[in-house]
Amino acid sequence: MRYVARALLLAAVLLVAGCSLFRDRTVQVARITSIAAPDTVVADSTFSAIVTAMLGPDSGYVLDRFEVSGTDAQVTVQAWSRDTSNGKVAPLGATYSDVKIGAKPTEPGKFSIIALKPDGSTTLKTITVLP
């Protein structure tokens, strides 16, 4: 059951964020600004979280994709942005993109959502899983 939940989570994120087969060198890690998730959940129940990434504060960067991977105790999220300032239409100022992820912790304890940032640091949201 855990493997099915993880596979569904990954499939949903790929469907929402899209997946480009051809990447260029202008793709880089985007800054994660927030994680919105409940503080407590019950084991074997599904919950949703929203991870927000900031794109293009200095130039024309737009969302390329979100990558999500997970285990029984955590989900790791990374956002990638693409430079569109090379003659293409680019957004003015900063824009924000959200990805909604779902998880179903199966054991009581702690469940973590970890968002990786460009400088190697992380944003962490820890959720208490009740029996």
N, C-alpha and C. Protein backbone atom coordinates (compact mmCIF):
# COMPACT_ATOMS: atom_id res chain seq x y z
N MET A 1 0.82 -1.19 0.00
CA MET A 1 0.00 0.00 0.00
C MET A 1 0.87 1.27 0.00
N ARG A 2 1.97 1.24 0.76
CA ARG A 2 2.85 2.40 0.81
C ARG A 2 3.45 2.70 -0.55
N TYR A 3 3.82 1.64 -1.27
CA TYR A 3 4.44 1.83 -2.57
C TYR A 3 3.43 2.41 -3.57
N VAL A 4 2.19 1.98 -3.47
CA VAL A 4 1.14 2.50 -4.34
C VAL A 4 0.93 3.99 -4.05
N ALA A 5 0.90 4.37 -2.77
CA ALA A 5 0.71 5.77 -2.40
C ALA A 5 1.85 6.63 -2.94
N ARG A 6 3.08 6.13 -2.82
CA ARG A 6 4.23 6.89 -3.33
C ARG A 6 4.17 7.02 -4.84
N ALA A 7 3.79 5.94 -5.53
CA ALA A 7 3.71 5.97 -6.99
C ALA A 7 2.62 6.96 -7.44
N LEU A 8 1.49 6.96 -6.74
CA LEU A 8 0.43 7.90 -7.08
C LEU A 8 0.85 9.34 -6.83
N LEU A 9 1.58 9.56 -5.74
CA LEU A 9 2.09 10.89 -5.42
C LEU A 9 3.00 11.39 -6.53
N LEU A 10 3.94 10.57 -6.94
CA LEU A 10 4.88 10.97 -7.98
C LEU A 10 4.15 11.21 -9.31
N ALA A 11 3.21 10.34 -9.65
CA ALA A 11 2.46 10.51 -10.90
C ALA A 11 1.65 11.80 -10.89
N ALA A 12 1.04 12.12 -9.75
CA ALA A 12 0.24 13.35 -9.66
C ALA A 12 1.11 14.58 -9.82
N VAL A 13 2.28 14.58 -9.20
CA VAL A 13 3.16 15.74 -9.31
C VAL A 13 3.66 15.90 -10.74
N LEU A 14 4.03 14.82 -11.38
CA LEU A 14 4.49 14.91 -12.77
C LEU A 14 3.38 15.42 -13.68
N LEU A 15 2.15 14.99 -13.41
CA LEU A 15 1.02 15.44 -14.19
C LEU A 15 0.77 16.93 -13.98
N VAL A 16 0.82 17.38 -12.71
CA VAL A 16 0.55 18.79 -12.39
C VAL A 16 1.66 19.69 -12.91
N ALA A 17 2.88 19.35 -12.62
CA ALA A 17 4.00 20.23 -12.95
C ALA A 17 4.46 20.09 -14.40
N GLY A 18 4.17 18.97 -15.03
CA GLY A 18 4.62 18.74 -16.38
C GLY A 18 6.04 18.22 -16.39
N CYS A 19 6.41 17.61 -17.48
CA CYS A 19 7.75 17.05 -17.56
C CYS A 19 8.28 17.28 -18.96
N SER A 20 9.37 18.02 -19.07
CA SER A 20 9.99 18.28 -20.35
C SER A 20 11.15 17.31 -20.55
N LEU A 21 11.19 16.68 -21.71
CA LEU A 21 12.25 15.72 -21.98
C LEU A 21 13.56 16.40 -22.35
N PHE A 22 13.48 17.63 -22.84
CA PHE A 22 14.68 18.31 -23.30
C PHE A 22 14.95 19.51 -22.41
N ARG A 23 16.00 19.43 -21.62
CA ARG A 23 16.38 20.50 -20.70
C ARG A 23 17.52 21.30 -21.31
N ASP A 24 17.57 22.57 -20.99
CA ASP A 24 18.70 23.38 -21.43
C ASP A 24 19.49 23.87 -20.23
N ARG A 25 20.58 24.53 -20.50
CA ARG A 25 21.47 24.97 -19.42
C ARG A 25 20.92 26.13 -18.60
N THR A 26 19.82 26.71 -19.04
CA THR A 26 19.25 27.84 -18.30
C THR A 26 18.34 27.38 -17.17
N VAL A 27 18.21 26.07 -16.96
CA VAL A 27 17.38 25.54 -15.89
C VAL A 27 18.20 25.52 -14.60
N GLN A 28 17.62 26.06 -13.53
CA GLN A 28 18.33 26.09 -12.24
C GLN A 28 17.33 25.89 -11.11
N VAL A 29 17.85 25.60 -9.93
CA VAL A 29 17.02 25.39 -8.76
C VAL A 29 16.34 26.70 -8.37
N ALA A 30 15.05 26.65 -8.09
CA ALA A 30 14.29 27.83 -7.67
C ALA A 30 14.18 27.88 -6.15
N ARG A 31 13.92 29.06 -5.62
CA ARG A 31 13.82 29.25 -4.17
C ARG A 31 12.45 28.83 -3.66
N ILE A 32 12.42 27.90 -2.72
CA ILE A 32 11.18 27.50 -2.05
C ILE A 32 10.91 28.54 -0.96
N THR A 33 9.72 29.12 -0.96
CA THR A 33 9.41 30.17 0.02
C THR A 33 8.56 29.67 1.18
N SER A 34 7.74 28.64 0.96
CA SER A 34 6.90 28.17 2.07
C SER A 34 6.38 26.76 1.82
N ILE A 35 6.02 26.12 2.94
CA ILE A 35 5.35 24.82 2.92
C ILE A 35 4.12 24.95 3.82
N ALA A 36 2.96 24.73 3.26
CA ALA A 36 1.72 24.78 4.04
C ALA A 36 1.19 23.36 4.19
N ALA A 37 1.15 22.88 5.43
CA ALA A 37 0.70 21.52 5.72
C ALA A 37 0.15 21.48 7.14
N PRO A 38 -0.67 20.49 7.45
CA PRO A 38 -1.19 20.39 8.82
C PRO A 38 -0.07 20.05 9.80
N ASP A 39 -0.28 20.42 11.07
CA ASP A 39 0.71 20.10 12.10
C ASP A 39 0.60 18.65 12.57
N THR A 40 -0.62 18.10 12.55
CA THR A 40 -0.83 16.70 12.96
C THR A 40 -1.77 16.02 11.97
N VAL A 41 -1.53 14.73 11.78
CA VAL A 41 -2.41 13.89 10.97
C VAL A 41 -2.53 12.54 11.66
N VAL A 42 -3.48 11.74 11.24
CA VAL A 42 -3.67 10.40 11.78
C VAL A 42 -3.02 9.41 10.81
N ALA A 43 -2.34 8.40 11.35
CA ALA A 43 -1.70 7.36 10.51
C ALA A 43 -2.74 6.73 9.58
N ASP A 44 -2.30 6.39 8.39
CA ASP A 44 -3.13 5.80 7.34
C ASP A 44 -4.19 6.74 6.79
N SER A 45 -4.04 8.04 7.03
CA SER A 45 -4.94 9.00 6.40
C SER A 45 -4.14 9.85 5.43
N THR A 46 -4.78 10.26 4.37
CA THR A 46 -4.12 11.07 3.36
C THR A 46 -4.25 12.55 3.72
N PHE A 47 -3.17 13.31 3.54
CA PHE A 47 -3.23 14.75 3.74
C PHE A 47 -2.56 15.43 2.55
N SER A 48 -2.86 16.72 2.40
CA SER A 48 -2.27 17.51 1.32
C SER A 48 -1.38 18.60 1.90
N ALA A 49 -0.39 18.97 1.12
CA ALA A 49 0.50 20.08 1.48
C ALA A 49 0.73 20.90 0.21
N ILE A 50 0.98 22.19 0.40
CA ILE A 50 1.27 23.06 -0.74
C ILE A 50 2.67 23.64 -0.55
N VAL A 51 3.52 23.44 -1.56
CA VAL A 51 4.87 23.97 -1.55
C VAL A 51 4.91 25.11 -2.58
N THR A 52 5.41 26.28 -2.14
CA THR A 52 5.45 27.46 -3.00
C THR A 52 6.89 27.80 -3.34
N ALA A 53 7.15 28.07 -4.63
CA ALA A 53 8.47 28.47 -5.10
C ALA A 53 8.39 29.87 -5.69
N MET A 54 9.44 30.69 -5.42
CA MET A 54 9.51 32.04 -5.98
C MET A 54 10.38 31.98 -7.23
N LEU A 55 9.90 32.60 -8.29
CA LEU A 55 10.60 32.57 -9.57
C LEU A 55 10.79 33.99 -10.07
N GLY A 56 11.93 34.26 -10.65
CA GLY A 56 12.18 35.49 -11.37
C GLY A 56 12.20 36.79 -10.61
N PRO A 57 12.82 36.86 -9.40
CA PRO A 57 12.86 38.15 -8.72
C PRO A 57 13.79 39.15 -9.41
N ASP A 58 14.76 38.68 -10.16
CA ASP A 58 15.73 39.57 -10.79
C ASP A 58 15.66 39.54 -12.31
N SER A 59 15.12 38.48 -12.86
CA SER A 59 15.07 38.37 -14.32
C SER A 59 13.89 37.48 -14.70
N GLY A 60 13.87 37.03 -15.92
CA GLY A 60 12.73 36.29 -16.42
C GLY A 60 12.81 34.79 -16.21
N TYR A 61 12.65 34.35 -14.98
CA TYR A 61 12.64 32.91 -14.72
C TYR A 61 11.22 32.44 -14.52
N VAL A 62 10.85 31.33 -15.13
CA VAL A 62 9.53 30.74 -14.99
C VAL A 62 9.69 29.30 -14.52
N LEU A 63 8.62 28.72 -14.03
CA LEU A 63 8.68 27.35 -13.53
C LEU A 63 8.98 26.37 -14.66
N ASP A 64 9.95 25.52 -14.45
CA ASP A 64 10.24 24.45 -15.39
C ASP A 64 9.59 23.16 -14.91
N ARG A 65 9.83 22.81 -13.62
CA ARG A 65 9.23 21.59 -13.08
C ARG A 65 9.44 21.52 -11.58
N PHE A 66 8.62 20.72 -10.91
CA PHE A 66 8.83 20.35 -9.52
C PHE A 66 9.26 18.89 -9.52
N GLU A 67 10.21 18.53 -8.68
CA GLU A 67 10.60 17.13 -8.50
C GLU A 67 10.26 16.73 -7.07
N VAL A 68 9.57 15.61 -6.93
CA VAL A 68 9.16 15.12 -5.62
C VAL A 68 9.60 13.67 -5.49
N SER A 69 10.23 13.37 -4.36
CA SER A 69 10.59 11.98 -4.05
C SER A 69 10.21 11.74 -2.61
N GLY A 70 10.00 10.49 -2.25
CA GLY A 70 9.56 10.25 -0.89
C GLY A 70 9.89 8.88 -0.36
N THR A 71 9.79 8.77 0.96
CA THR A 71 9.92 7.51 1.68
C THR A 71 8.71 7.43 2.61
N ASP A 72 8.73 6.43 3.49
CA ASP A 72 7.63 6.29 4.44
C ASP A 72 7.60 7.42 5.45
N ALA A 73 8.73 8.09 5.68
CA ALA A 73 8.81 9.10 6.73
C ALA A 73 9.01 10.52 6.23
N GLN A 74 9.19 10.72 4.91
CA GLN A 74 9.42 12.08 4.41
C GLN A 74 9.14 12.19 2.93
N VAL A 75 8.93 13.44 2.51
CA VAL A 75 8.82 13.80 1.10
C VAL A 75 9.82 14.92 0.86
N THR A 76 10.57 14.84 -0.22
CA THR A 76 11.53 15.87 -0.58
C THR A 76 11.07 16.54 -1.87
N VAL A 77 11.05 17.88 -1.88
CA VAL A 77 10.56 18.65 -3.02
C VAL A 77 11.66 19.59 -3.49
N GLN A 78 11.82 19.70 -4.80
CA GLN A 78 12.77 20.65 -5.37
C GLN A 78 12.11 21.29 -6.59
N ALA A 79 12.18 22.61 -6.68
CA ALA A 79 11.62 23.33 -7.83
C ALA A 79 12.76 23.75 -8.75
N TRP A 80 12.49 23.69 -10.04
CA TRP A 80 13.48 24.11 -11.04
C TRP A 80 12.87 25.21 -11.89
N SER A 81 13.65 26.26 -12.16
CA SER A 81 13.17 27.36 -12.98
C SER A 81 13.98 27.45 -14.27
N ARG A 82 13.39 28.10 -15.25
CA ARG A 82 14.00 28.21 -16.57
C ARG A 82 14.09 29.69 -16.94
N ASP A 83 15.24 30.09 -17.46
CA ASP A 83 15.47 31.48 -17.87
C ASP A 83 14.79 31.73 -19.21
N THR A 84 13.92 32.73 -19.24
CA THR A 84 13.26 33.10 -20.50
C THR A 84 13.65 34.50 -20.94
N SER A 85 14.71 35.05 -20.38
CA SER A 85 15.10 36.42 -20.69
C SER A 85 15.86 36.54 -22.01
N ASN A 86 16.08 35.46 -22.70
CA ASN A 86 16.86 35.49 -23.95
C ASN A 86 15.96 35.77 -25.16
N GLY A 87 15.20 36.85 -25.09
CA GLY A 87 14.37 37.25 -26.22
C GLY A 87 12.94 36.77 -26.14
N LYS A 88 12.62 35.88 -25.24
CA LYS A 88 11.25 35.41 -25.09
C LYS A 88 10.51 36.31 -24.10
N VAL A 89 9.22 36.19 -24.06
CA VAL A 89 8.44 36.98 -23.12
C VAL A 89 8.71 36.47 -21.71
N ALA A 90 9.06 37.38 -20.81
CA ALA A 90 9.38 37.01 -19.43
C ALA A 90 8.45 37.78 -18.49
N PRO A 91 8.14 37.20 -17.34
CA PRO A 91 7.27 37.90 -16.40
C PRO A 91 7.99 39.09 -15.77
N LEU A 92 7.22 40.08 -15.38
CA LEU A 92 7.80 41.24 -14.69
C LEU A 92 7.83 40.96 -13.20
N GLY A 93 8.98 41.14 -12.57
CA GLY A 93 9.09 40.93 -11.13
C GLY A 93 8.99 39.47 -10.74
N ALA A 94 8.77 39.25 -9.47
CA ALA A 94 8.71 37.89 -8.95
C ALA A 94 7.35 37.27 -9.20
N THR A 95 7.35 36.00 -9.51
CA THR A 95 6.12 35.23 -9.61
C THR A 95 6.25 34.03 -8.69
N TYR A 96 5.13 33.45 -8.34
CA TYR A 96 5.13 32.32 -7.42
C TYR A 96 4.37 31.16 -8.06
N SER A 97 4.86 29.95 -7.83
CA SER A 97 4.19 28.75 -8.31
C SER A 97 4.01 27.79 -7.15
N ASP A 98 2.86 27.14 -7.12
CA ASP A 98 2.54 26.17 -6.08
C ASP A 98 2.45 24.78 -6.67
N VAL A 99 2.83 23.80 -5.87
CA VAL A 99 2.54 22.41 -6.22
C VAL A 99 1.85 21.80 -5.01
N LYS A 100 0.78 21.07 -5.27
CA LYS A 100 0.05 20.40 -4.20
C LYS A 100 0.51 18.95 -4.19
N ILE A 101 0.98 18.51 -3.04
CA ILE A 101 1.42 17.13 -2.90
C ILE A 101 0.53 16.42 -1.90
N GLY A 102 0.40 15.13 -2.06
CA GLY A 102 -0.38 14.33 -1.13
C GLY A 102 0.51 13.26 -0.53
N ALA A 103 0.24 12.90 0.70
CA ALA A 103 1.01 11.86 1.37
C ALA A 103 0.08 11.07 2.28
N LYS A 104 0.49 9.84 2.58
CA LYS A 104 -0.28 8.98 3.47
C LYS A 104 0.68 8.24 4.39
N PRO A 105 1.07 8.88 5.51
CA PRO A 105 1.97 8.20 6.45
C PRO A 105 1.26 6.98 7.04
N THR A 106 1.99 5.89 7.14
CA THR A 106 1.38 4.65 7.62
C THR A 106 1.71 4.34 9.07
N GLU A 107 2.73 4.98 9.62
CA GLU A 107 3.16 4.70 11.00
C GLU A 107 3.10 5.95 11.85
N PRO A 108 2.73 5.83 13.13
CA PRO A 108 2.79 6.99 14.03
C PRO A 108 4.23 7.47 14.20
N GLY A 109 4.39 8.75 14.51
CA GLY A 109 5.72 9.34 14.70
C GLY A 109 5.79 10.67 14.01
N LYS A 110 6.89 10.91 13.32
CA LYS A 110 7.11 12.18 12.61
C LYS A 110 7.16 11.93 11.11
N PHE A 111 6.59 12.87 10.35
CA PHE A 111 6.65 12.86 8.90
C PHE A 111 7.19 14.21 8.47
N SER A 112 8.18 14.25 7.59
CA SER A 112 8.83 15.51 7.21
C SER A 112 8.60 15.82 5.74
N ILE A 113 8.38 17.10 5.47
CA ILE A 113 8.39 17.61 4.10
C ILE A 113 9.62 18.51 4.02
N ILE A 114 10.53 18.16 3.14
CA ILE A 114 11.80 18.87 3.01
C ILE A 114 11.85 19.52 1.63
N ALA A 115 12.06 20.83 1.58
CA ALA A 115 12.19 21.55 0.33
C ALA A 115 13.64 22.00 0.18
N LEU A 116 14.28 21.60 -0.91
CA LEU A 116 15.67 21.94 -1.16
C LEU A 116 15.76 23.31 -1.81
N LYS A 117 16.74 24.12 -1.38
CA LYS A 117 16.93 25.48 -1.89
C LYS A 117 18.21 25.57 -2.72
N PRO A 118 18.34 26.63 -3.53
CA PRO A 118 19.52 26.77 -4.40
C PRO A 118 20.84 26.79 -3.65
N ASP A 119 20.87 27.35 -2.44
CA ASP A 119 22.13 27.45 -1.70
C ASP A 119 22.46 26.18 -0.92
N GLY A 120 21.67 25.14 -1.09
CA GLY A 120 21.91 23.89 -0.39
C GLY A 120 21.18 23.78 0.94
N SER A 121 20.59 24.87 1.41
CA SER A 121 19.82 24.80 2.66
C SER A 121 18.44 24.20 2.39
N THR A 122 17.68 24.00 3.43
CA THR A 122 16.36 23.39 3.28
C THR A 122 15.31 24.17 4.06
N THR A 123 14.08 24.04 3.63
CA THR A 123 12.92 24.46 4.40
C THR A 123 12.26 23.18 4.86
N LEU A 124 11.97 23.08 6.14
CA LEU A 124 11.48 21.82 6.70
C LEU A 124 10.13 22.04 7.39
N LYS A 125 9.20 21.14 7.12
CA LYS A 125 7.93 21.12 7.83
C LYS A 125 7.81 19.71 8.42
N THR A 126 7.71 19.63 9.77
CA THR A 126 7.57 18.35 10.44
C THR A 126 6.13 18.18 10.90
N ILE A 127 5.55 17.05 10.60
CA ILE A 127 4.16 16.74 10.92
C ILE A 127 4.15 15.59 11.90
N THR A 128 3.35 15.72 12.96
CA THR A 128 3.20 14.65 13.94
C THR A 128 2.13 13.70 13.44
N VAL A 129 2.47 12.41 13.37
CA VAL A 129 1.53 11.38 12.91
C VAL A 129 1.02 10.64 14.15
N LEU A 130 -0.28 10.77 14.39
CA LEU A 130 -0.91 10.13 15.54
C LEU A 130 -1.37 8.72 15.20
N PRO A 131 -1.46 7.83 16.20
CA PRO A 131 -1.92 6.46 15.92
C PRO A 131 -3.37 6.42 15.49
